[in-house]
N, C-alpha and C. Protein backbone atom coordinates (compact mmCIF):
# COMPACT_ATOMS: atom_id res chain seq x y z
N MET A 1 -3.06 8.18 13.90
CA MET A 1 -1.88 6.76 13.87
C MET A 1 -1.07 7.49 12.86
N LEU A 2 0.03 6.88 12.82
CA LEU A 2 1.45 7.47 12.15
C LEU A 2 2.42 6.07 11.82
N PHE A 3 2.75 5.70 10.65
CA PHE A 3 3.20 4.56 10.21
C PHE A 3 4.91 5.24 10.74
N ALA A 4 5.49 4.33 11.08
CA ALA A 4 7.21 4.94 11.22
C ALA A 4 7.69 3.40 10.86
N ARG A 5 8.99 4.02 10.04
CA ARG A 5 9.58 2.76 9.79
C ARG A 5 10.78 2.27 10.81
N ASN A 6 10.56 1.00 10.77
CA ASN A 6 11.62 0.09 11.87
C ASN A 6 12.45 -0.73 10.97
N HIS A 7 13.53 -0.62 10.77
CA HIS A 7 14.42 -1.35 10.08
C HIS A 7 13.98 -2.00 9.05
N GLY A 8 13.21 -1.41 8.23
CA GLY A 8 12.47 -1.93 6.89
C GLY A 8 11.05 -2.26 7.11
N ARG A 9 10.81 -2.41 7.92
CA ARG A 9 9.20 -2.72 8.56
C ARG A 9 8.58 -1.52 8.52
N CYS A 10 7.46 -1.75 8.47
CA CYS A 10 6.45 -0.69 8.57
C CYS A 10 5.54 -0.90 10.13
N GLU A 11 5.53 -0.34 10.92
CA GLU A 11 4.83 -0.05 12.29
C GLU A 11 3.97 0.96 12.62
N VAL A 12 3.20 0.79 13.39
CA VAL A 12 1.86 1.76 13.93
C VAL A 12 2.36 2.33 15.09
N SER A 13 2.79 3.32 15.30
CA SER A 13 3.05 4.14 16.46
C SER A 13 1.89 4.71 16.95
N ALA A 14 1.02 4.08 17.93
CA ALA A 14 -0.18 4.66 18.61
C ALA A 14 -0.11 6.14 19.38
N ASN A 15 1.09 6.37 19.99
CA ASN A 15 1.18 7.27 20.48
C ASN A 15 1.44 8.92 19.93
N LYS A 16 0.98 8.61 18.44
CA LYS A 16 1.41 10.08 17.85
C LYS A 16 -0.12 9.82 16.85
N TYR A 17 -0.91 11.33 16.25
CA TYR A 17 -1.90 10.93 15.84
C TYR A 17 -1.68 12.09 14.53
N SER A 18 -1.84 11.77 13.53
CA SER A 18 -1.72 12.50 12.20
C SER A 18 -3.24 12.74 11.31
N PRO A 19 -3.68 13.59 11.22
CA PRO A 19 -4.55 13.82 10.74
C PRO A 19 -4.77 13.51 9.07
N GLN A 20 -3.84 13.16 8.57
CA GLN A 20 -3.78 12.38 7.71
C GLN A 20 -3.23 11.29 7.74
N GLY A 21 -3.77 10.55 6.17
CA GLY A 21 -4.02 9.03 6.15
C GLY A 21 -2.42 8.78 5.16
N TYR A 22 -2.05 7.46 5.63
CA TYR A 22 -0.78 7.08 4.92
C TYR A 22 -0.89 5.67 4.24
N PHE A 23 -0.13 5.29 3.02
CA PHE A 23 -0.09 4.13 2.87
C PHE A 23 1.62 3.92 2.30
N GLU A 24 1.90 2.94 2.99
CA GLU A 24 3.31 2.38 3.10
C GLU A 24 3.89 0.87 2.89
N LEU A 25 4.55 1.24 1.69
CA LEU A 25 4.96 -0.21 1.60
C LEU A 25 6.90 -0.40 1.51
N ALA A 26 7.31 -0.97 2.40
CA ALA A 26 8.71 -1.71 2.75
C ALA A 26 8.81 -2.86 2.49
N ALA A 27 10.25 -3.17 2.16
CA ALA A 27 10.64 -4.06 1.89
C ALA A 27 12.42 -4.43 3.06
N GLU A 28 12.09 -5.69 3.46
CA GLU A 28 13.14 -6.28 4.10
C GLU A 28 13.11 -7.80 4.65
N GLY A 29 14.12 -8.56 3.63
CA GLY A 29 14.31 -9.80 4.01
C GLY A 29 13.76 -10.63 3.17
N GLY A 30 13.73 -10.50 2.16
CA GLY A 30 12.57 -10.87 0.99
C GLY A 30 10.86 -11.02 1.12
N ILE A 31 11.08 -10.09 1.90
CA ILE A 31 9.35 -9.61 2.73
C ILE A 31 8.98 -8.28 2.48
N VAL A 32 7.88 -7.90 1.69
CA VAL A 32 7.39 -6.68 1.43
C VAL A 32 5.88 -6.72 2.27
N ALA A 33 6.69 -5.30 3.32
CA ALA A 33 5.68 -4.98 3.88
C ALA A 33 4.15 -3.95 3.56
N LEU A 34 3.40 -4.08 3.37
CA LEU A 34 2.22 -3.11 3.18
C LEU A 34 1.48 -2.57 4.66
N CYS A 35 1.65 -1.46 5.10
CA CYS A 35 0.72 -0.63 5.63
C CYS A 35 -0.36 0.44 5.50
N CYS A 36 -1.30 0.73 6.31
CA CYS A 36 -2.07 1.65 6.27
C CYS A 36 -3.11 1.94 6.83
N SER A 37 -3.06 3.64 7.18
CA SER A 37 -3.61 4.23 7.77
C SER A 37 -4.92 5.26 7.12
N TRP A 38 -5.83 5.18 6.46
CA TRP A 38 -6.93 5.63 5.46
C TRP A 38 -7.70 6.02 5.73
N PRO A 39 -8.31 7.25 5.77
CA PRO A 39 -9.22 8.31 6.46
C PRO A 39 -10.85 7.65 5.54
N PHE A 40 -11.71 7.24 6.16
CA PHE A 40 -12.51 6.67 5.65
C PHE A 40 -14.11 7.87 5.49
N ASP A 41 -14.11 8.26 7.14
CA ASP A 41 -14.72 9.76 7.52
C ASP A 41 -14.19 10.45 8.53
N PHE A 42 -13.77 11.68 7.87
CA PHE A 42 -13.42 12.76 8.85
C PHE A 42 -14.23 13.01 9.78
N ASN A 43 -15.50 13.24 9.36
CA ASN A 43 -16.60 13.56 10.11
C ASN A 43 -16.25 13.00 11.72
N THR A 44 -16.68 11.91 11.63
CA THR A 44 -16.92 10.40 12.15
C THR A 44 -15.64 9.95 12.90
N ASP A 45 -14.65 10.36 12.56
CA ASP A 45 -12.93 10.01 12.60
C ASP A 45 -12.74 8.76 12.67
N GLU A 46 -13.45 8.00 11.61
CA GLU A 46 -13.53 6.51 10.84
C GLU A 46 -12.21 6.25 10.25
N TRP A 47 -11.72 5.47 10.37
CA TRP A 47 -9.87 5.43 9.68
C TRP A 47 -10.29 3.77 9.06
N ILE A 48 -9.31 3.42 7.95
CA ILE A 48 -9.25 2.04 7.29
C ILE A 48 -7.82 1.71 8.01
N TYR A 49 -7.33 0.50 8.66
CA TYR A 49 -6.48 0.09 8.67
C TYR A 49 -6.27 -1.30 8.07
N ILE A 50 -5.15 -1.21 7.35
CA ILE A 50 -4.59 -2.43 7.05
C ILE A 50 -3.17 -2.46 6.98
N LYS A 51 -2.98 -3.85 7.78
CA LYS A 51 -1.80 -4.26 7.05
C LYS A 51 -1.52 -5.64 6.85
N ASN A 52 -0.59 -5.49 5.62
CA ASN A 52 -0.36 -7.41 5.37
C ASN A 52 0.98 -7.52 4.73
N ARG A 53 1.77 -8.53 4.68
CA ARG A 53 2.76 -9.31 4.19
C ARG A 53 2.81 -9.58 2.46
N PHE A 54 3.31 -9.92 1.90
CA PHE A 54 4.08 -10.72 0.64
C PHE A 54 5.36 -11.27 0.47
N TYR A 55 5.51 -12.19 -0.81
CA TYR A 55 6.94 -12.72 -0.43
C TYR A 55 7.55 -11.87 -1.65
N ALA A 56 8.43 -11.06 -1.11
CA ALA A 56 9.18 -10.18 -2.62
C ALA A 56 8.82 -10.38 -3.91
N VAL A 57 9.00 -12.06 -3.92
CA VAL A 57 9.49 -12.46 -5.37
C VAL A 57 8.35 -12.41 -6.23
N ASP A 58 7.06 -12.60 -5.01
CA ASP A 58 5.83 -12.65 -6.00
C ASP A 58 5.50 -10.99 -6.38
N TYR A 59 5.84 -10.57 -5.38
CA TYR A 59 5.40 -8.61 -5.35
C TYR A 59 6.10 -8.33 -6.77
N SER A 60 7.31 -8.57 -6.72
CA SER A 60 8.29 -7.89 -8.02
C SER A 60 7.62 -8.25 -9.21
N LYS A 61 6.67 -9.81 -8.86
CA LYS A 61 6.72 -10.14 -10.29
C LYS A 61 5.05 -9.41 -10.89
N ALA A 62 4.21 -9.35 -9.89
CA ALA A 62 3.61 -8.23 -9.96
C ALA A 62 3.37 -6.76 -10.15
N ILE A 63 4.66 -6.44 -9.68
CA ILE A 63 4.85 -5.06 -10.12
C ILE A 63 5.56 -5.04 -11.92
N SER A 64 5.75 -6.11 -12.14
CA SER A 64 6.45 -6.00 -13.67
C SER A 64 5.70 -6.41 -14.81
N ASP A 65 4.44 -6.77 -14.02
CA ASP A 65 2.97 -7.15 -14.94
C ASP A 65 2.48 -6.14 -15.07
N ALA A 66 2.33 -5.16 -14.07
CA ALA A 66 1.93 -4.03 -14.19
C ALA A 66 2.16 -2.83 -15.22
N ALA A 67 3.99 -3.10 -15.19
CA ALA A 67 4.23 -2.18 -15.74
C ALA A 67 4.45 -2.49 -17.36
N THR A 68 4.06 -3.32 -17.62
CA THR A 68 4.17 -4.01 -18.82
C THR A 68 3.45 -2.95 -20.00
N ARG A 69 3.50 -2.95 -20.99
CA ARG A 69 2.05 -2.39 -21.85
C ARG A 69 1.05 -3.67 -22.12
N ASP A 70 1.31 -4.54 -22.21
CA ASP A 70 0.77 -5.94 -22.62
C ASP A 70 -0.74 -6.06 -21.38
N LYS A 71 0.18 -6.17 -20.27
CA LYS A 71 -0.89 -6.42 -18.97
C LYS A 71 -1.62 -5.36 -18.29
N LYS A 72 -0.16 -4.36 -17.81
CA LYS A 72 -0.81 -3.19 -17.12
C LYS A 72 -1.30 -3.73 -15.72
N THR A 73 -1.82 -4.73 -15.37
CA THR A 73 -2.25 -5.05 -14.18
C THR A 73 -1.18 -6.59 -13.71
N GLY A 74 -1.22 -6.06 -12.06
CA GLY A 74 -0.72 -7.24 -11.78
C GLY A 74 -1.19 -7.20 -10.84
N GLN A 75 -1.11 -8.70 -9.67
CA GLN A 75 -1.58 -8.89 -8.64
C GLN A 75 -1.02 -10.21 -7.68
N VAL A 76 -0.39 -9.78 -6.64
CA VAL A 76 -0.06 -10.85 -5.47
C VAL A 76 -0.94 -11.01 -4.17
N TYR A 77 -1.00 -12.50 -3.54
CA TYR A 77 -1.34 -12.49 -2.75
C TYR A 77 -0.80 -12.66 -1.31
N GLY A 78 -1.43 -12.31 0.01
CA GLY A 78 -0.46 -12.08 0.72
C GLY A 78 -0.21 -13.14 1.50
N ILE A 79 0.77 -13.74 2.52
CA ILE A 79 1.44 -14.78 2.77
C ILE A 79 0.21 -15.24 3.79
N ASN A 80 -0.28 -14.36 4.30
CA ASN A 80 -1.73 -15.30 5.23
C ASN A 80 -2.85 -14.59 4.63
N GLY A 81 -3.05 -14.28 3.24
CA GLY A 81 -4.41 -13.63 2.95
C GLY A 81 -4.46 -12.55 2.16
N GLY A 82 -5.36 -11.93 2.01
CA GLY A 82 -5.85 -10.80 1.08
C GLY A 82 -4.84 -10.22 0.02
N SER A 83 -4.56 -9.53 -0.43
CA SER A 83 -4.16 -9.30 -2.22
C SER A 83 -3.39 -7.60 -2.05
N PHE A 84 -2.86 -7.59 -2.95
CA PHE A 84 -2.71 -6.31 -3.61
C PHE A 84 -2.56 -6.22 -5.40
N GLU A 85 -3.69 -5.50 -5.74
CA GLU A 85 -3.52 -5.65 -7.21
C GLU A 85 -3.10 -3.98 -7.69
N VAL A 86 -1.84 -3.84 -8.96
CA VAL A 86 -1.56 -2.33 -9.18
C VAL A 86 -1.97 -2.48 -10.57
N THR A 87 -2.71 -1.34 -10.93
CA THR A 87 -2.75 -1.27 -12.76
C THR A 87 -2.41 0.33 -13.15
N GLN A 88 -1.87 0.14 -13.96
CA GLN A 88 -1.26 1.24 -14.56
C GLN A 88 -2.39 1.66 -15.35
N ILE A 89 -2.49 3.27 -15.13
CA ILE A 89 -3.19 4.04 -15.58
C ILE A 89 -2.45 5.38 -16.56
N ASN A 90 -3.11 5.85 -17.30
CA ASN A 90 -2.39 7.11 -18.07
C ASN A 90 -2.15 8.12 -17.00
N SER A 91 -2.93 8.40 -15.96
CA SER A 91 -2.19 9.57 -15.00
C SER A 91 -1.44 8.89 -13.92
N GLY A 92 -1.28 7.90 -13.53
CA GLY A 92 -0.30 7.01 -12.32
C GLY A 92 -0.42 5.45 -12.53
N PHE A 93 -1.14 5.24 -11.28
CA PHE A 93 -1.59 3.88 -11.06
C PHE A 93 -2.88 3.48 -9.82
N LEU A 94 -3.28 2.78 -10.60
CA LEU A 94 -4.50 2.17 -9.24
C LEU A 94 -4.20 1.15 -8.00
N VAL A 95 -3.84 0.74 -6.76
CA VAL A 95 -3.69 -0.11 -6.30
C VAL A 95 -4.53 -0.24 -5.25
N ASP A 96 -4.80 -1.73 -5.56
CA ASP A 96 -6.44 -2.49 -4.44
C ASP A 96 -6.26 -3.37 -4.00
N PHE A 97 -6.27 -3.19 -2.60
CA PHE A 97 -5.44 -4.47 -1.41
C PHE A 97 -6.21 -4.17 -0.03
N SER A 98 -6.50 -5.61 0.16
CA SER A 98 -6.47 -6.16 1.65
C SER A 98 -5.85 -6.53 2.57
N ARG A 99 -6.26 -6.80 3.59
CA ARG A 99 -5.66 -7.61 4.54
C ARG A 99 -6.41 -8.49 4.78
N PRO A 100 -5.27 -9.68 5.43
CA PRO A 100 -5.70 -11.27 5.80
C PRO A 100 -6.92 -11.33 6.42
N GLN A 101 -7.91 -12.23 6.11
CA GLN A 101 -9.27 -11.78 6.65
C GLN A 101 -8.97 -13.15 8.35
N SER A 102 -9.03 -12.02 9.68
CA SER A 102 -8.89 -12.71 10.99
C SER A 102 -9.60 -12.04 11.66
N GLY A 103 -10.14 -12.51 12.74
CA GLY A 103 -11.27 -12.01 13.71
C GLY A 103 -12.24 -11.53 13.15
N TRP A 104 -12.43 -10.50 12.27
CA TRP A 104 -13.98 -9.91 12.22
C TRP A 104 -13.24 -9.60 10.57
N CYS A 105 -14.28 -9.05 9.65
CA CYS A 105 -14.10 -9.09 8.74
C CYS A 105 -13.06 -8.47 7.98
N ALA A 106 -12.48 -8.56 6.78
CA ALA A 106 -11.35 -7.79 6.12
C ALA A 106 -11.91 -6.78 5.78
N SER A 107 -10.96 -5.47 5.80
CA SER A 107 -10.77 -4.65 5.15
C SER A 107 -10.55 -4.03 3.49
N SER A 108 -10.99 -3.52 2.40
CA SER A 108 -9.78 -3.56 1.31
C SER A 108 -10.20 -1.69 1.19
N LEU A 109 -9.53 -1.30 -0.05
CA LEU A 109 -9.03 -0.14 -0.35
C LEU A 109 -8.73 0.04 -1.58
N GLN A 110 -9.06 0.87 -2.37
CA GLN A 110 -8.65 1.30 -3.35
C GLN A 110 -7.95 2.77 -3.41
N LEU A 111 -6.73 2.88 -4.42
CA LEU A 111 -6.25 4.02 -3.87
C LEU A 111 -5.70 4.52 -5.42
N HIS A 112 -6.24 5.80 -5.62
CA HIS A 112 -5.29 6.54 -7.25
C HIS A 112 -3.98 7.32 -6.91
N VAL A 113 -3.18 6.90 -7.38
CA VAL A 113 -1.71 7.41 -7.22
C VAL A 113 -0.94 8.00 -7.99
N ARG A 114 -0.86 9.48 -8.25
CA ARG A 114 -0.29 9.58 -9.57
C ARG A 114 1.17 10.35 -9.45
N ARG A 115 1.58 9.00 -10.25
CA ARG A 115 2.98 8.87 -9.46
C ARG A 115 3.36 7.35 -10.57
N PRO A 116 4.80 7.45 -11.39
CA PRO A 116 5.11 6.56 -11.97
C PRO A 116 4.91 4.95 -11.34
N VAL A 117 4.52 4.44 -12.07
CA VAL A 117 4.40 2.74 -11.54
C VAL A 117 5.60 2.08 -11.11
N GLY A 118 6.74 2.46 -11.68
CA GLY A 118 7.73 2.36 -11.67
C GLY A 118 8.78 2.50 -10.04
N GLU A 119 8.25 3.52 -9.25
CA GLU A 119 8.10 3.75 -7.89
C GLU A 119 7.52 2.56 -7.04
N LEU A 120 7.33 2.01 -7.67
CA LEU A 120 6.66 0.34 -6.46
C LEU A 120 7.31 -0.59 -6.52
N SER A 121 8.54 -0.71 -8.02
CA SER A 121 9.68 -1.36 -7.80
C SER A 121 10.44 -2.07 -6.31
N LEU A 122 10.21 -3.16 -6.43
CA LEU A 122 11.65 -3.57 -5.10
C LEU A 122 12.15 -2.77 -4.49
N GLN A 123 13.26 -2.45 -5.48
CA GLN A 123 14.56 -1.26 -5.48
C GLN A 123 13.97 0.00 -5.16
N SER A 124 12.86 0.57 -5.27
CA SER A 124 12.70 2.14 -5.34
C SER A 124 11.83 1.65 -3.75
N LEU A 125 11.83 0.54 -3.17
CA LEU A 125 11.19 0.78 -1.56
C LEU A 125 12.17 1.10 -0.78
N PRO A 126 11.89 2.22 0.29
CA PRO A 126 10.42 2.23 0.81
C PRO A 126 9.54 3.12 -0.14
N PHE A 127 8.48 3.11 0.04
CA PHE A 127 7.31 3.62 -0.99
C PHE A 127 6.21 4.53 0.10
N ARG A 128 5.76 5.54 -0.12
CA ARG A 128 4.89 6.18 0.78
C ARG A 128 4.01 7.17 0.63
N VAL A 129 3.00 7.06 0.44
CA VAL A 129 1.93 8.41 0.22
C VAL A 129 1.08 8.81 1.26
N VAL A 130 0.68 9.84 0.94
CA VAL A 130 0.27 10.78 1.91
C VAL A 130 -1.32 11.33 1.95
N CYS A 131 -2.07 11.16 2.12
CA CYS A 131 -3.71 11.51 1.89
C CYS A 131 -3.49 12.61 1.73
N GLY A 132 -3.89 13.21 0.25
CA GLY A 132 -4.55 14.67 0.03
C GLY A 132 -6.12 14.47 -0.65
N ARG A 133 -6.60 15.84 -1.15
CA ARG A 133 -7.74 16.03 -0.87
C ARG A 133 -8.10 15.32 -1.93
N LEU A 134 -7.52 15.43 -2.72
CA LEU A 134 -8.38 14.35 -4.65
C LEU A 134 -7.91 13.37 -4.34
N PHE A 135 -6.45 12.95 -4.29
CA PHE A 135 -5.70 11.87 -4.69
C PHE A 135 -4.74 11.70 -3.78
N ALA A 136 -3.83 10.57 -3.55
CA ALA A 136 -2.86 10.39 -2.95
C ALA A 136 -1.55 10.91 -3.43
N GLN A 137 -0.31 11.92 -2.84
CA GLN A 137 0.47 12.57 -3.50
C GLN A 137 1.65 11.48 -3.19
N ARG A 138 2.81 11.34 -3.33
CA ARG A 138 3.98 10.89 -2.54
C ARG A 138 4.55 11.50 -1.47
N SER A 139 4.83 11.24 -0.49
CA SER A 139 5.63 12.23 0.31
C SER A 139 7.43 12.29 0.48
N THR A 140 7.97 13.42 0.21
CA THR A 140 9.23 13.02 0.11
C THR A 140 9.85 13.41 1.77
């Protein structure tokens, strides 16, 4: 699966397959969309698929909280459930997120991204990382 941006929204394109995973944040009209297709087990071709949406104001506060020296962690809840938490660490940041619970049980994922937490600011979106062997790297 490959995530393609369409007018600021993340969308899954089922007709393209990528052997790598993606994590993407994009903003449009007061909403931040999170899209993720991340490998769980390459040997069995199992993937974690997560999509969620957050109000941009709440998302921005979470990133601001994570960027401060005092807190170093920020959290925002999805419009329809689920959450997104970012924690600043010495070598970048951790993101921990889940999709809203609907239908079957919700999935969650934690990624270590070796980039400055400021790259998640609302003004810097879209933000995309591509699955690497040891850690996520921002794609250019």
